[in-house]
Protein backbone atom coordinates (compact mmCIF):
# COMPACT_ATOMS: atom_id res chain seq x y z
CA MET A 1 21.54 -7.08 9.98
CA ALA A 2 21.06 -7.29 6.57
CA ARG A 3 23.52 -8.09 3.64
CA ILE A 4 23.74 -6.04 0.65
CA HIS A 5 25.71 -7.04 -1.90
CA PRO A 6 27.93 -3.73 -3.32
CA SER A 7 26.39 -3.77 -6.53
CA ALA A 8 22.57 -3.86 -5.49
CA ASP A 9 20.75 -0.41 -5.57
CA VAL A 10 18.85 -0.13 -2.20
CA ASP A 11 17.46 3.17 -1.53
CA GLU A 12 17.96 4.73 1.81
CA ARG A 13 14.45 5.03 2.74
CA ALA A 14 13.69 1.37 1.97
CA THR A 15 13.56 -0.56 5.31
CA LEU A 16 15.17 -4.16 5.43
CA GLY A 17 14.43 -6.66 8.05
CA GLU A 18 17.24 -8.58 10.03
CA GLY A 19 18.89 -11.51 8.14
CA THR A 20 17.60 -10.42 4.95
CA SER A 21 19.87 -10.17 1.75
CA VAL A 22 19.92 -7.99 -1.48
CA TRP A 23 22.11 -9.71 -4.11
CA HIS A 24 24.35 -8.49 -7.29
CA LEU A 25 22.50 -5.75 -9.81
CA ALA A 26 18.70 -5.80 -7.35
CA GLN A 27 17.10 -2.63 -6.82
CA VAL A 28 15.28 -2.20 -4.17
CA ARG A 29 13.22 1.36 -4.64
CA GLU A 30 12.41 3.93 -1.87
CA ASP A 31 9.53 3.09 1.08
CA ALA A 32 10.00 -0.70 0.19
CA VAL A 33 9.60 -2.76 3.25
CA LEU A 34 11.32 -5.79 3.41
CA GLY A 35 10.47 -8.38 6.33
CA LYS A 36 13.12 -10.88 8.19
CA GLY A 37 14.96 -13.32 6.31
CA CYS A 38 13.97 -11.92 3.04
CA ILE A 39 16.15 -12.89 -0.24
CA VAL A 40 15.99 -10.57 -3.16
CA GLY A 41 17.92 -12.36 -5.83
CA ARG A 42 20.31 -11.21 -8.60
CA GLY A 43 18.64 -8.40 -10.64
CA ALA A 44 15.47 -8.52 -9.21
CA TYR A 45 13.67 -5.61 -8.54
CA VAL A 46 11.20 -4.44 -5.80
CA GLY A 47 9.23 -1.09 -6.39
CA SER A 48 8.44 2.10 -4.54
CA GLY A 49 6.44 0.86 -1.87
CA VAL A 50 6.24 -2.63 -1.94
CA ARG A 51 5.61 -4.43 1.10
CA MET A 52 7.12 -7.81 1.54
CA GLY A 53 6.47 -10.01 4.83
CA ASP A 54 9.33 -12.32 6.54
CA ASN A 55 10.84 -14.66 4.45
CA CYS A 56 9.97 -13.96 1.14
CA LYS A 57 12.23 -15.26 -1.70
CA LEU A 58 12.51 -13.27 -5.19
CA GLN A 59 14.64 -14.99 -7.21
CA ASN A 60 17.06 -13.55 -10.48
CA TYR A 61 15.44 -10.93 -12.23
CA ALA A 62 12.00 -11.15 -11.05
CA LEU A 63 10.44 -7.86 -11.28
CA VAL A 64 7.75 -6.51 -8.55
CA TYR A 65 6.47 -3.26 -9.26
CA GLU A 66 4.61 -1.17 -6.61
CA PRO A 67 1.71 -1.48 -4.98
CA ALA A 68 2.32 -5.28 -4.71
CA VAL A 69 2.08 -7.03 -1.34
CA LEU A 70 3.80 -10.09 -0.26
CA GLU A 71 2.47 -11.84 2.90
CA ASP A 72 4.88 -13.88 5.03
CA GLY A 73 6.45 -16.82 3.12
CA VAL A 74 6.10 -15.86 -0.41
CA PHE A 75 7.75 -17.39 -3.25
CA VAL A 76 8.68 -15.58 -6.72
CA GLY A 77 10.08 -17.32 -9.34
CA PRO A 78 12.88 -16.09 -11.86
CA ALA A 79 12.06 -13.45 -14.09
CA ALA A 80 8.30 -13.53 -12.85
CA VAL A 81 5.87 -10.02 -13.51
CA PHE A 82 4.03 -8.19 -11.14
CA THR A 83 1.95 -5.55 -13.18
CA ASN A 84 0.53 -2.19 -11.88
CA ASP A 85 -1.58 -0.66 -14.81
CA HIS A 86 -4.57 -1.07 -16.10
CA TYR A 87 -4.22 0.62 -19.53
CA PRO A 88 -0.29 1.12 -20.00
CA ARG A 89 0.90 3.91 -21.78
CA SER A 90 4.20 5.96 -22.47
CA ILE A 91 2.38 8.63 -23.77
CA ALA A 92 -0.84 10.78 -23.11
CA PRO A 93 -3.37 11.05 -25.83
CA ASP A 94 -2.28 14.55 -27.27
CA GLY A 95 1.62 13.15 -27.23
CA THR A 96 3.11 14.07 -24.17
CA LEU A 97 5.05 12.08 -21.98
CA LYS A 98 3.08 10.14 -19.11
CA ARG A 99 4.26 10.88 -15.58
CA GLY A 100 4.00 9.10 -12.47
CA ASP A 101 0.96 11.30 -11.49
CA ASP A 102 -1.14 10.63 -14.71
CA TRP A 103 -2.04 7.28 -13.62
CA GLU A 104 -3.37 5.41 -10.64
CA ALA A 105 -1.11 2.28 -10.21
CA VAL A 106 -3.07 -1.19 -9.11
CA GLY A 107 -1.39 -3.78 -7.25
CA VAL A 108 -0.69 -7.88 -6.93
CA THR A 109 -1.38 -9.11 -3.55
CA VAL A 110 0.09 -12.50 -2.69
CA ARG A 111 -1.11 -14.51 0.06
CA HIS A 112 0.89 -16.36 3.05
CA GLY A 113 2.91 -18.73 1.78
CA ALA A 114 2.22 -18.96 -2.35
CA SER A 115 4.26 -19.33 -4.85
CA ILE A 116 4.76 -17.62 -8.54
CA GLY A 117 6.47 -19.76 -10.80
CA ALA A 118 9.41 -18.74 -13.12
CA ARG A 119 8.33 -16.11 -16.00
CA ALA A 120 4.87 -16.39 -14.75
CA VAL A 121 3.19 -12.81 -15.27
CA CYS A 122 0.70 -11.60 -12.45
CA VAL A 123 -1.45 -8.86 -13.87
CA ALA A 124 -2.41 -6.34 -11.60
CA PRO A 125 -4.97 -6.18 -9.70
CA VAL A 126 -5.12 -9.75 -8.36
CA THR A 127 -4.54 -12.19 -5.39
CA VAL A 128 -3.57 -15.21 -4.98
CA GLY A 129 -4.30 -16.67 -2.23
CA ARG A 130 -2.67 -18.39 0.48
CA TRP A 131 -0.59 -21.55 -0.28
CA ALA A 132 -1.56 -21.55 -3.83
CA LEU A 133 1.31 -22.26 -6.63
CA VAL A 134 1.27 -20.18 -9.82
CA ALA A 135 2.62 -22.52 -12.53
CA ALA A 136 5.97 -21.44 -14.56
CA GLY A 137 5.05 -19.28 -17.47
CA ALA A 138 1.19 -18.98 -16.44
CA VAL A 139 -0.31 -15.63 -17.00
CA VAL A 140 -2.72 -14.54 -13.63
CA THR A 141 -5.93 -11.98 -14.91
CA LYS A 142 -7.75 -13.28 -12.03
CA ASP A 143 -8.05 -13.97 -8.72
CA VAL A 144 -6.38 -17.22 -7.55
CA PRO A 145 -7.92 -19.15 -4.32
CA ASP A 146 -6.05 -20.87 -1.32
CA PHE A 147 -4.37 -23.99 -2.57
CA ALA A 148 -5.12 -23.65 -6.16
CA LEU A 149 -2.00 -24.73 -8.78
CA VAL A 150 -3.20 -22.54 -11.56
CA ALA A 151 -1.28 -22.88 -14.95
CA GLY A 152 -1.75 -21.87 -18.71
CA VAL A 153 -2.77 -18.36 -20.33
CA PRO A 154 -4.94 -17.55 -18.96
CA ALA A 155 -4.20 -19.05 -15.62
CA LYS A 156 -6.92 -21.60 -14.60
CA ARG A 157 -7.16 -24.03 -11.80
CA ILE A 158 -6.00 -27.86 -12.52
CA ARG A 159 -5.46 -29.19 -9.32
CA TRP A 160 -5.20 -28.45 -5.56
CA VAL A 161 -1.95 -28.36 -3.39
CA GLY A 162 -1.06 -28.21 0.18
CA LYS A 163 1.42 -26.38 2.24
CA ALA A 164 4.18 -28.80 1.01
CA GLY A 165 3.42 -27.55 -2.51
CA GLU A 166 2.76 -31.32 -3.72
CA PRO A 167 -0.84 -31.81 -5.64
CA LEU A 168 -3.12 -33.03 -3.50
CA GLU A 169 -4.85 -36.52 -3.82
CA PRO A 170 -8.07 -37.83 -3.70
CA THR A 171 -8.92 -39.77 -0.25
CA GLY A 172 -11.61 -41.66 -1.87
CA GLU A 173 -14.06 -39.43 0.32
CA PRO A 174 -16.28 -37.02 -2.08
CA GLY A 175 -14.25 -33.08 -1.20
CA ARG A 176 -11.83 -34.69 0.98
CA TRP A 177 -8.42 -34.38 -0.08
CA ARG A 178 -4.48 -35.47 1.69
CA CYS A 179 -0.91 -34.12 1.11
CA PRO A 180 0.96 -37.25 0.09
CA THR A 181 4.09 -35.30 1.93
CA THR A 182 2.60 -34.22 5.02
CA GLY A 183 -0.50 -36.17 5.53
CA GLU A 184 -2.31 -33.05 6.13
CA THR A 185 -6.54 -33.11 5.01
CA TYR A 186 -8.61 -30.72 3.35
CA LEU A 187 -12.37 -30.23 2.11
CA GLU A 188 -13.55 -28.57 -0.89
CA GLN A 189 -16.95 -27.41 -1.08
CA ASP A 190 -18.11 -24.85 -3.54
CA ASP A 191 -14.58 -24.96 -5.25
CA ILE A 192 -13.23 -23.34 -2.27
CA LEU A 193 -10.46 -25.82 -0.14
CA THR A 194 -9.82 -25.51 3.63
CA GLU A 195 -7.72 -27.38 5.90
CA GLU A 196 -9.50 -29.96 7.90
CA THR A 197 -9.49 -29.40 11.61
CA ARG A 198 -9.32 -32.34 13.92
């Protein structure tokens, strides 16, 4: 059973998985689907039709606009923003107020286990790869590879990270990296990092 704080605004057409919590002043719009064990922090916003997997965390005041897709285990830091419009305008060229049918929403996709830092902005359409880490305050304007640590404006890869989120260390062998926390090793080839199979 989901837990919804009395001050939260959760549309009756939204679907919340078992053990999901929606906290103070958060809003979950119609047709949003949240998996099991998710946490939606104070003042966070989940747009219409957004899809979230299991065990996702939206920290306080994160804004996730439709049609974003978050796979299992995604972390979105405080006040992070996922945009959804290529060319945002309040009015049409003739001066009339734009409505929902006047534009085409584009989304941000965040793959399994990835994390978005506090106050980061993901400018749709972009995909953040598996286990990637977007630094606080970064502005993501292009796709982020799996296991990449990106930072800056616009965001650029500065390191590789493992599943624990720690920067990887070189093993001394070309193109081979190790996680200092888990000991797992990774192989880098052509700016792509993959887990080493044993």
